[in-house]
Amino acid sequence: MILNIKIGSKSLFINCINVKHLNTKNMTRINHKNPENLFDPTPYAFCHSTHTTSPGRFIFISGQSGGQDLEHTLSNNFKTQVHYALINLKTVLDDNNLAPEDVLKITVLIVDHSEDKLKIWTEEMKEIWKNQKYPASTLIPVPRLALDNMLIEVDAIAFKAEK
């Protein structure tokens, strides 16, 4: 799809890859767009933009940590915390009758971010988003989070279509 945007007397042509999918659990139409003149973010487990045209409601999900149980036990291992943060996110989605494919946007906060941590994050994302239709995403390196030993926090905006 070629998008022509007029700015004053000039035209900006954007060639977009337009990927649409329908989540049959929720009947949500989510469009994933990665402009061809930007790098392909798929190997890093995100999409440049997402939107929906379906009628429905947005679900705003608070930051989920890597707490492993009802006592919010935090491992000292980053990979373990990433795994549980995504499991906790999936639990909130399930409670709203949603799936990872219904997430439009995530924000990821990582303490003392590094390329190694990015690789771990990407691998774990691929385990949850098996269809590789990733949400739009922002990763923010931070010096610390709300609790000592908390290494990651992930919040999300999901969409639930009206039936």
Protein backbone atom coordinates (compact mmCIF):
# COMPACT_ATOMS: atom_id res chain seq x y z
CA MET A 1 0.00 0.00 0.00
CA ILE A 2 1.36 3.42 -0.93
CA LEU A 3 0.30 6.23 1.40
CA ASN A 4 0.45 9.77 0.00
CA ILE A 5 0.58 12.46 2.68
CA LYS A 6 0.38 16.10 1.54
CA ILE A 7 2.33 18.60 3.62
CA GLY A 8 1.80 22.03 2.12
CA SER A 9 2.84 21.79 -1.50
CA LYS A 10 4.95 18.65 -0.98
CA SER A 11 3.91 15.00 -1.07
CA LEU A 12 5.38 12.34 1.18
CA PHE A 13 4.97 8.82 -0.18
CA ILE A 14 5.15 6.01 2.36
CA ASN A 15 5.19 2.39 1.23
CA CYS A 16 3.71 0.35 4.06
CA ILE A 17 3.51 -3.35 4.62
CA ASN A 18 -0.05 -3.77 5.84
CA VAL A 19 -0.66 -6.97 7.75
CA LYS A 20 -4.16 -7.63 9.05
CA HIS A 21 -5.19 -10.46 11.30
CA LEU A 22 -8.41 -11.46 12.99
CA ASN A 23 -8.22 -12.92 16.46
CA THR A 24 -11.01 -15.49 16.37
CA LYS A 25 -11.23 -15.65 20.20
CA ASN A 26 -12.08 -11.95 20.46
CA MET A 27 -13.03 -11.16 16.82
CA THR A 28 -10.67 -8.18 16.93
CA ARG A 29 -9.26 -6.82 13.69
CA ILE A 30 -5.81 -5.48 14.42
CA ASN A 31 -3.70 -3.98 11.65
CA HIS A 32 0.08 -4.14 11.98
CA LYS A 33 2.08 -1.67 9.90
CA ASN A 34 5.80 -1.61 9.24
CA PRO A 35 6.74 1.03 6.65
CA GLU A 36 9.14 -0.40 4.08
CA ASN A 37 11.42 2.64 4.43
CA LEU A 38 12.08 1.75 8.10
CA PHE A 39 13.99 -1.27 9.37
CA ASP A 40 12.07 -4.53 9.86
CA PRO A 41 11.38 -4.73 13.63
CA THR A 42 10.01 -8.30 13.53
CA PRO A 43 13.31 -9.95 14.58
CA TYR A 44 13.19 -7.75 17.70
CA ALA A 45 9.60 -8.81 18.51
CA PHE A 46 7.72 -5.57 17.85
CA CYS A 47 5.82 -3.69 15.17
CA HIS A 48 6.17 -0.01 14.24
CA SER A 49 2.43 0.66 14.59
CA THR A 50 -0.87 -1.06 15.23
CA HIS A 51 -4.47 0.08 15.05
CA THR A 52 -7.96 -1.28 14.96
CA THR A 53 -11.12 -0.23 13.20
CA SER A 54 -13.36 -2.64 15.11
CA PRO A 55 -15.95 -1.29 17.55
CA GLY A 56 -15.06 -2.22 21.12
CA ARG A 57 -13.17 -1.10 24.21
CA PHE A 58 -9.58 -0.62 25.24
CA ILE A 59 -8.12 -2.50 28.21
CA PHE A 60 -5.27 -0.69 29.99
CA ILE A 61 -3.05 -3.17 31.82
CA SER A 62 -0.85 -1.98 34.66
CA GLY A 63 2.83 -2.81 34.70
CA GLN A 64 3.39 -6.50 35.33
CA SER A 65 6.58 -7.54 37.07
CA GLY A 66 8.34 -10.86 37.15
CA GLY A 67 6.72 -11.81 40.46
CA GLN A 68 6.33 -15.58 40.55
CA ASP A 69 3.52 -16.10 43.05
CA LEU A 70 0.94 -14.42 45.28
CA GLU A 71 3.77 -13.23 47.55
CA HIS A 72 5.36 -11.51 44.53
CA THR A 73 8.60 -13.46 44.87
CA LEU A 74 11.25 -12.03 42.55
CA SER A 75 14.07 -14.15 41.20
CA ASN A 76 17.52 -12.57 40.88
CA ASN A 77 17.63 -13.99 37.34
CA PHE A 78 16.58 -11.56 34.58
CA LYS A 79 15.34 -14.29 32.20
CA THR A 80 13.14 -15.76 34.94
CA GLN A 81 11.64 -12.35 35.67
CA VAL A 82 10.98 -11.72 31.97
CA HIS A 83 9.26 -15.09 31.69
CA TYR A 84 7.00 -14.39 34.68
CA ALA A 85 6.28 -10.79 33.65
CA LEU A 86 4.91 -12.11 30.34
CA ILE A 87 3.03 -14.93 32.08
CA ASN A 88 1.51 -12.33 34.44
CA LEU A 89 0.55 -10.17 31.46
CA LYS A 90 -1.04 -13.20 29.81
CA THR A 91 -2.97 -13.90 33.06
CA VAL A 92 -4.49 -10.41 32.97
CA LEU A 93 -5.33 -10.84 29.29
CA ASP A 94 -6.96 -14.23 29.99
CA ASP A 95 -9.00 -12.67 32.81
CA ASN A 96 -10.39 -10.21 30.24
CA ASN A 97 -11.02 -12.97 27.66
CA LEU A 98 -8.18 -11.64 25.54
CA ALA A 99 -5.05 -13.10 23.98
CA PRO A 100 -1.58 -11.65 23.31
CA GLU A 101 -2.74 -10.95 19.74
CA ASP A 102 -5.21 -8.41 21.18
CA VAL A 103 -2.40 -6.22 22.55
CA LEU A 104 -1.91 -3.04 20.52
CA LYS A 105 0.95 -1.49 22.54
CA ILE A 106 3.37 -2.50 25.26
CA THR A 107 5.87 -0.50 27.26
CA VAL A 108 8.82 -2.35 28.74
CA LEU A 109 10.97 -1.00 31.57
CA ILE A 110 14.29 -2.82 32.06
CA VAL A 111 16.75 -2.11 34.87
CA ASP A 112 20.33 -1.67 33.62
CA HIS A 113 19.37 -2.55 30.05
CA SER A 114 21.96 -4.23 27.79
CA GLU A 115 22.11 -6.02 24.43
CA ASP A 116 22.10 -9.34 26.31
CA LYS A 117 18.88 -8.37 28.10
CA LEU A 118 17.35 -7.30 24.78
CA LYS A 119 18.11 -10.74 23.35
CA ILE A 120 16.43 -12.44 26.35
CA TRP A 121 13.41 -10.14 26.05
CA THR A 122 13.08 -10.88 22.32
CA GLU A 123 13.31 -14.66 22.82
CA GLU A 124 10.62 -14.60 25.51
CA MET A 125 8.33 -12.38 23.39
CA LYS A 126 8.54 -14.90 20.57
CA GLU A 127 7.32 -17.61 22.97
CA ILE A 128 4.16 -15.63 23.81
CA TRP A 129 3.47 -14.09 20.38
CA LYS A 130 3.85 -17.30 18.40
CA ASN A 131 2.13 -15.81 15.33
CA GLN A 132 4.79 -13.05 15.23
CA LYS A 133 2.13 -10.31 14.95
CA TYR A 134 3.83 -8.18 17.59
CA PRO A 135 2.37 -5.09 19.24
CA ALA A 136 3.83 -1.64 18.93
CA SER A 137 6.46 -1.39 21.65
CA THR A 138 8.66 0.99 23.58
CA LEU A 139 11.58 -0.25 25.70
CA ILE A 140 12.84 2.17 28.34
CA PRO A 141 16.08 1.52 30.24
CA VAL A 142 15.74 2.57 33.88
CA PRO A 143 18.09 2.63 36.88
CA ARG A 144 15.54 0.93 39.15
CA LEU A 145 11.86 0.02 39.50
CA ALA A 146 9.33 0.18 42.33
CA LEU A 147 10.76 -2.69 44.38
CA ASP A 148 14.28 -3.83 45.17
CA ASN A 149 15.24 -6.77 42.93
CA MET A 150 12.54 -5.91 40.36
CA LEU A 151 14.34 -6.09 36.99
CA ILE A 152 11.49 -5.68 34.47
CA GLU A 153 8.00 -4.23 34.23
CA VAL A 154 5.64 -4.54 31.25
CA ASP A 155 2.41 -2.63 30.77
CA ALA A 156 0.02 -2.99 27.85
CA ILE A 157 -2.94 -1.58 26.00
CA ALA A 158 -5.23 -4.23 24.56
CA PHE A 159 -8.46 -4.02 22.60
CA LYS A 160 -11.60 -6.08 23.02
CA ALA A 161 -13.99 -6.05 20.09
CA GLU A 162 -17.73 -5.78 20.60
CA LYS A 163 -19.58 -8.94 19.67
